[in-house]
Every structure is written in structure tokens, then in C-alpha cells.
Amino acid sequence: MALADVTATGILLATAADLANLGISEEVTGGIQASTLTAILTAATETAGAILQSSGRIKLPLTAWGSDIKSAVAKMAAWDVMCVRIGHNPEDPNNFVWRDRDAAGRAYLEQVARGFVMPVGLVDATPTDTKTGTEIYRSEE
């Protein structure tokens, strides 16, 4: 899986199944069309990509990631489901649980971007140096 041009490739950092397992119950999202959930997950994926590459340490596209990244994206998407599709008021103090989960997901991604946290299994597009050994150059003089 790679995060490149999400709208062109359809690649998501968290799927609808991840959203159900890590973000918000299918009981809540059951009446929401799959295309709407995909749009919400796409927006959360693009936001996550922007956060991850913000420090310049991580290069997109990602080629591998683990459940911690999926969880962060699912938390962000769950907040959008609650606010945009279910109708929760984001300013209502009774919605702090969903707002705090969104903030926690974003904060985790920011820590990854800054290098404070290194997720297991995260592979980005940073070139790897595969050269080993000694190279000898001879002048043609």
C-alpha cells in the first residue's frame, strides 16, 4: 500500500474496516454510504500525509505502515463522521471524547513527523543507500 495521489489511486492509510475496528463502530456508520465513508477516509489520509511530511523527515509515498498509523487516521475520520455526517456540534463540550481522539491522532502523527516516535513497519520514500564496500577511482591521465 502506498500513499501517493490518493484521489487518483484510491490508496488509504485506513480502510473502512480500520475505521470500524479502530475509530468508530459500524453501528454508528451503518447508515452512511460507502462512498461517503471513503471520502471521509480520503480526507483523513490526505491530512495525515500532510502532517507526516511537514517536518521534511518523512517522504511520501508511504509503502508500508502499521496499526498505529491506521488508528491515528481512523480517529481523525471518526471525528469527521460524528461532526459532518451524524450531526454532532464540534463546539459542544459533550463531544470532547471524539474531539480528543481526533487531537490524539493528529498529535501522534506530529510526533512521528518530528522523529519523537518511530512506528514499527513505517516505510517511506526516502532513498536507501545500498552501496557497500570500497570504490576505487583511477584517473585517466
C-alpha atoms as a PDB file:
ATOM      1  CA  MET A   1       0.000   0.000   0.000  1.00  0.00           C
ATOM      2  CA  ALA A   2       1.350   3.433  -0.852  1.00  0.00           C
ATOM      3  CA  LEU A   3       0.121   6.916  -0.194  1.00  0.00           C
ATOM      4  CA  ALA A   4       0.744   8.769  -3.415  1.00  0.00           C
ATOM      5  CA  ASP A   5      -2.030  10.674  -5.140  1.00  0.00           C
ATOM      6  CA  VAL A   6      -4.871   9.394  -3.013  1.00  0.00           C
ATOM      7  CA  THR A   7      -7.635  10.728  -5.224  1.00  0.00           C
ATOM      8  CA  ALA A   8      -6.084   9.108  -8.293  1.00  0.00           C
ATOM      9  CA  THR A   9      -5.072   5.768  -6.779  1.00  0.00           C
ATOM     10  CA  GLY A  10      -7.672   5.253  -4.086  1.00  0.00           C
ATOM     11  CA  ILE A  11      -4.985   4.154  -1.587  1.00  0.00           C
ATOM     12  CA  LEU A  12      -5.949   4.895   2.014  1.00  0.00           C
ATOM     13  CA  LEU A  13      -3.910   4.798   5.217  1.00  0.00           C
ATOM     14  CA  ALA A  14      -7.006   3.441   6.975  1.00  0.00           C
ATOM     15  CA  THR A  15      -9.806   1.442   5.365  1.00  0.00           C
ATOM     16  CA  ALA A  16     -13.491   1.244   6.279  1.00  0.00           C
ATOM     17  CA  ALA A  17     -12.644  -1.915   8.239  1.00  0.00           C
ATOM     18  CA  ASP A  18      -9.930   0.004  10.129  1.00  0.00           C
ATOM     19  CA  LEU A  19     -12.441   2.759  10.839  1.00  0.00           C
ATOM     20  CA  ALA A  20     -14.850   0.188  12.298  1.00  0.00           C
ATOM     21  CA  ASN A  21     -12.142  -1.529  14.361  1.00  0.00           C
ATOM     22  CA  LEU A  22     -10.114   1.471  15.497  1.00  0.00           C
ATOM     23  CA  GLY A  23     -12.248   4.579  15.072  1.00  0.00           C
ATOM     24  CA  ILE A  24     -15.999   4.212  15.362  1.00  0.00           C
ATOM     25  CA  SER A  25     -18.424   1.312  15.498  1.00  0.00           C
ATOM     26  CA  GLU A  26     -20.230   0.064  12.409  1.00  0.00           C
ATOM     27  CA  GLU A  27     -23.419   0.518  14.432  1.00  0.00           C
ATOM     28  CA  VAL A  28     -22.839   4.265  14.118  1.00  0.00           C
ATOM     29  CA  THR A  29     -21.681   4.273  10.495  1.00  0.00           C
ATOM     30  CA  GLY A  30     -24.136   1.635   9.267  1.00  0.00           C
ATOM     31  CA  GLY A  31     -26.467   4.146   7.612  1.00  0.00           C
ATOM     32  CA  ILE A  32     -23.689   6.039   5.877  1.00  0.00           C
ATOM     33  CA  GLN A  33     -22.995   5.247   2.224  1.00  0.00           C
ATOM     34  CA  ALA A  34     -19.672   3.601   1.425  1.00  0.00           C
ATOM     35  CA  SER A  35     -18.765   6.473  -0.917  1.00  0.00           C
ATOM     36  CA  THR A  36     -19.213   8.949   1.938  1.00  0.00           C
ATOM     37  CA  LEU A  37     -17.025   6.892   4.274  1.00  0.00           C
ATOM     38  CA  THR A  38     -14.404   6.635   1.540  1.00  0.00           C
ATOM     39  CA  ALA A  39     -14.465  10.422   1.088  1.00  0.00           C
ATOM     40  CA  ILE A  40     -14.008  10.894   4.842  1.00  0.00           C
ATOM     41  CA  LEU A  41     -11.146   8.362   4.938  1.00  0.00           C
ATOM     42  CA  THR A  42      -9.551  10.008   1.899  1.00  0.00           C
ATOM     43  CA  ALA A  43      -9.629  13.412   3.609  1.00  0.00           C
ATOM     44  CA  ALA A  44      -8.153  11.911   6.795  1.00  0.00           C
ATOM     45  CA  THR A  45      -5.442  10.150   4.746  1.00  0.00           C
ATOM     46  CA  GLU A  46      -4.512  13.365   2.948  1.00  0.00           C
ATOM     47  CA  THR A  47      -4.403  15.257   6.261  1.00  0.00           C
ATOM     48  CA  ALA A  48      -2.209  12.530   7.750  1.00  0.00           C
ATOM     49  CA  GLY A  49       0.117  12.725   4.747  1.00  0.00           C
ATOM     50  CA  ALA A  50       0.420  16.488   5.133  1.00  0.00           C
ATOM     51  CA  ILE A  51       1.224  16.117   8.838  1.00  0.00           C
ATOM     52  CA  LEU A  52       3.736  13.308   8.291  1.00  0.00           C
ATOM     53  CA  GLN A  53       5.711  15.192   5.654  1.00  0.00           C
ATOM     54  CA  SER A  54       5.503  18.552   7.461  1.00  0.00           C
ATOM     55  CA  SER A  55       8.965  18.332   9.029  1.00  0.00           C
ATOM     56  CA  GLY A  56      10.657  17.029   5.890  1.00  0.00           C
ATOM     57  CA  ARG A  57      11.837  13.873   7.678  1.00  0.00           C
ATOM     58  CA  ILE A  58       9.267  11.575   6.063  1.00  0.00           C
ATOM     59  CA  LYS A  59       8.959  11.360   2.317  1.00  0.00           C
ATOM     60  CA  LEU A  60       5.730  10.337   0.650  1.00  0.00           C
ATOM     61  CA  PRO A  61       4.554   7.985  -0.668  1.00  0.00           C
ATOM     62  CA  LEU A  62       4.492   5.548   2.222  1.00  0.00           C
ATOM     63  CA  THR A  63       4.983   1.971   1.137  1.00  0.00           C
ATOM     64  CA  ALA A  64       4.217   0.309   4.477  1.00  0.00           C
ATOM     65  CA  TRP A  65       2.656   1.319   7.802  1.00  0.00           C
ATOM     66  CA  GLY A  66       1.214  -0.329  10.872  1.00  0.00           C
ATOM     67  CA  SER A  67      -1.874  -0.251  13.014  1.00  0.00           C
ATOM     68  CA  ASP A  68      -0.685   2.831  14.900  1.00  0.00           C
ATOM     69  CA  ILE A  69      -0.893   4.954  11.739  1.00  0.00           C
ATOM     70  CA  LYS A  70      -4.201   3.299  10.820  1.00  0.00           C
ATOM     71  CA  SER A  71      -5.513   4.106  14.301  1.00  0.00           C
ATOM     72  CA  ALA A  72      -4.494   7.765  14.086  1.00  0.00           C
ATOM     73  CA  VAL A  73      -6.211   8.146  10.705  1.00  0.00           C
ATOM     74  CA  ALA A  74      -9.309   6.255  11.923  1.00  0.00           C
ATOM     75  CA  LYS A  75      -9.582   8.576  14.947  1.00  0.00           C
ATOM     76  CA  MET A  76      -9.475  11.626  12.683  1.00  0.00           C
ATOM     77  CA  ALA A  77     -12.039  10.087  10.342  1.00  0.00           C
ATOM     78  CA  ALA A  78     -14.325   9.154  13.262  1.00  0.00           C
ATOM     79  CA  TRP A  79     -14.448  12.806  14.341  1.00  0.00           C
ATOM     80  CA  ASP A  80     -15.498  13.804  10.828  1.00  0.00           C
ATOM     81  CA  VAL A  81     -18.150  11.083  10.816  1.00  0.00           C
ATOM     82  CA  MET A  82     -19.534  12.384  14.100  1.00  0.00           C
ATOM     83  CA  CYS A  83     -19.485  16.065  13.089  1.00  0.00           C
ATOM     84  CA  VAL A  84     -20.206  16.044   9.395  1.00  0.00           C
ATOM     85  CA  ARG A  85     -22.400  13.020   8.856  1.00  0.00           C
ATOM     86  CA  ILE A  86     -24.029  12.334  12.212  1.00  0.00           C
ATOM     87  CA  GLY A  87     -24.519  15.986  13.107  1.00  0.00           C
ATOM     88  CA  HIS A  88     -22.584  16.475  16.332  1.00  0.00           C
ATOM     89  CA  ASN A  89     -21.693  20.061  17.080  1.00  0.00           C
ATOM     90  CA  PRO A  90     -17.889  20.283  17.272  1.00  0.00           C
ATOM     91  CA  GLU A  91     -18.175  23.098  19.813  1.00  0.00           C
ATOM     92  CA  ASP A  92     -20.416  21.101  22.183  1.00  0.00           C
ATOM     93  CA  PRO A  93     -18.371  20.218  25.295  1.00  0.00           C
ATOM     94  CA  ASN A  94     -20.215  16.883  25.481  1.00  0.00           C
ATOM     95  CA  ASN A  95     -18.373  15.817  22.333  1.00  0.00           C
ATOM     96  CA  PHE A  96     -14.962  16.027  23.989  1.00  0.00           C
ATOM     97  CA  VAL A  97     -14.283  12.293  23.643  1.00  0.00           C
ATOM     98  CA  TRP A  98     -14.440  12.394  19.828  1.00  0.00           C
ATOM     99  CA  ARG A  99     -12.599  15.710  19.648  1.00  0.00           C
ATOM    100  CA  ASP A 100      -9.876  14.414  21.979  1.00  0.00           C
ATOM    101  CA  ARG A 101      -9.461  11.215  19.928  1.00  0.00           C
ATOM    102  CA  ASP A 102      -9.044  13.340  16.792  1.00  0.00           C
ATOM    103  CA  ALA A 103      -6.481  15.511  18.580  1.00  0.00           C
ATOM    104  CA  ALA A 104      -4.650  12.414  19.839  1.00  0.00           C
ATOM    105  CA  GLY A 105      -4.434  11.003  16.310  1.00  0.00           C
ATOM    106  CA  ARG A 106      -3.069  14.275  14.955  1.00  0.00           C
ATOM    107  CA  ALA A 107      -0.609  14.621  17.858  1.00  0.00           C
ATOM    108  CA  TYR A 108       0.714  11.115  17.256  1.00  0.00           C
ATOM    109  CA  LEU A 109       1.307  11.858  13.572  1.00  0.00           C
ATOM    110  CA  GLU A 110       3.073  15.115  14.508  1.00  0.00           C
ATOM    111  CA  GLN A 111       5.353  13.196  16.876  1.00  0.00           C
ATOM    112  CA  VAL A 112       6.148  10.734  14.104  1.00  0.00           C
ATOM    113  CA  ALA A 113       6.861  13.615  11.707  1.00  0.00           C
ATOM    114  CA  ARG A 114       9.258  15.224  14.196  1.00  0.00           C
ATOM    115  CA  GLY A 115      11.055  11.957  14.922  1.00  0.00           C
ATOM    116  CA  PHE A 116       9.959  11.623  18.558  1.00  0.00           C
ATOM    117  CA  VAL A 117       8.191   8.360  17.714  1.00  0.00           C
ATOM    118  CA  MET A 118       9.282   5.810  15.114  1.00  0.00           C
ATOM    119  CA  PRO A 119       6.452   3.450  14.227  1.00  0.00           C
ATOM    120  CA  VAL A 120       7.339  -0.166  13.625  1.00  0.00           C
ATOM    121  CA  GLY A 121       6.889  -1.046   9.983  1.00  0.00           C
ATOM    122  CA  LEU A 122       6.743   2.511   8.637  1.00  0.00           C
ATOM    123  CA  VAL A 123       8.484   2.687   5.265  1.00  0.00           C
ATOM    124  CA  ASP A 124       8.544   5.932   3.362  1.00  0.00           C
ATOM    125  CA  ALA A 125      10.055   7.007   0.052  1.00  0.00           C
ATOM    126  CA  THR A 126      13.413   8.032   1.495  1.00  0.00           C
ATOM    127  CA  PRO A 127      16.100   6.555  -0.762  1.00  0.00           C
ATOM    128  CA  THR A 128      18.153   3.833   0.839  1.00  0.00           C
ATOM    129  CA  ASP A 129      21.878   3.553   0.304  1.00  0.00           C
ATOM    130  CA  THR A 130      22.567   0.041  -0.866  1.00  0.00           C
ATOM    131  CA  LYS A 131      26.215   0.565  -1.756  1.00  0.00           C
ATOM    132  CA  THR A 132      28.699  -1.271   0.375  1.00  0.00           C
ATOM    133  CA  GLY A 133      32.405  -1.825   0.137  1.00  0.00           C
ATOM    134  CA  THR A 134      35.162   0.326  -1.252  1.00  0.00           C
ATOM    135  CA  GLU A 135      35.128   2.003  -4.606  1.00  0.00           C
ATOM    136  CA  ILE A 136      38.398   2.786  -6.372  1.00  0.00           C
ATOM    137  CA  TYR A 137      38.589   5.513  -8.973  1.00  0.00           C
ATOM    138  CA  ARG A 138      41.506   5.734 -11.390  1.00  0.00           C
ATOM    139  CA  SER A 139      42.414   8.864 -13.194  1.00  0.00           C
ATOM    140  CA  GLU A 140      42.751   8.595 -16.991  1.00  0.00           C
ATOM    141  CA  GLU A 141      45.816  10.874 -17.059  1.00  0.00           C
END
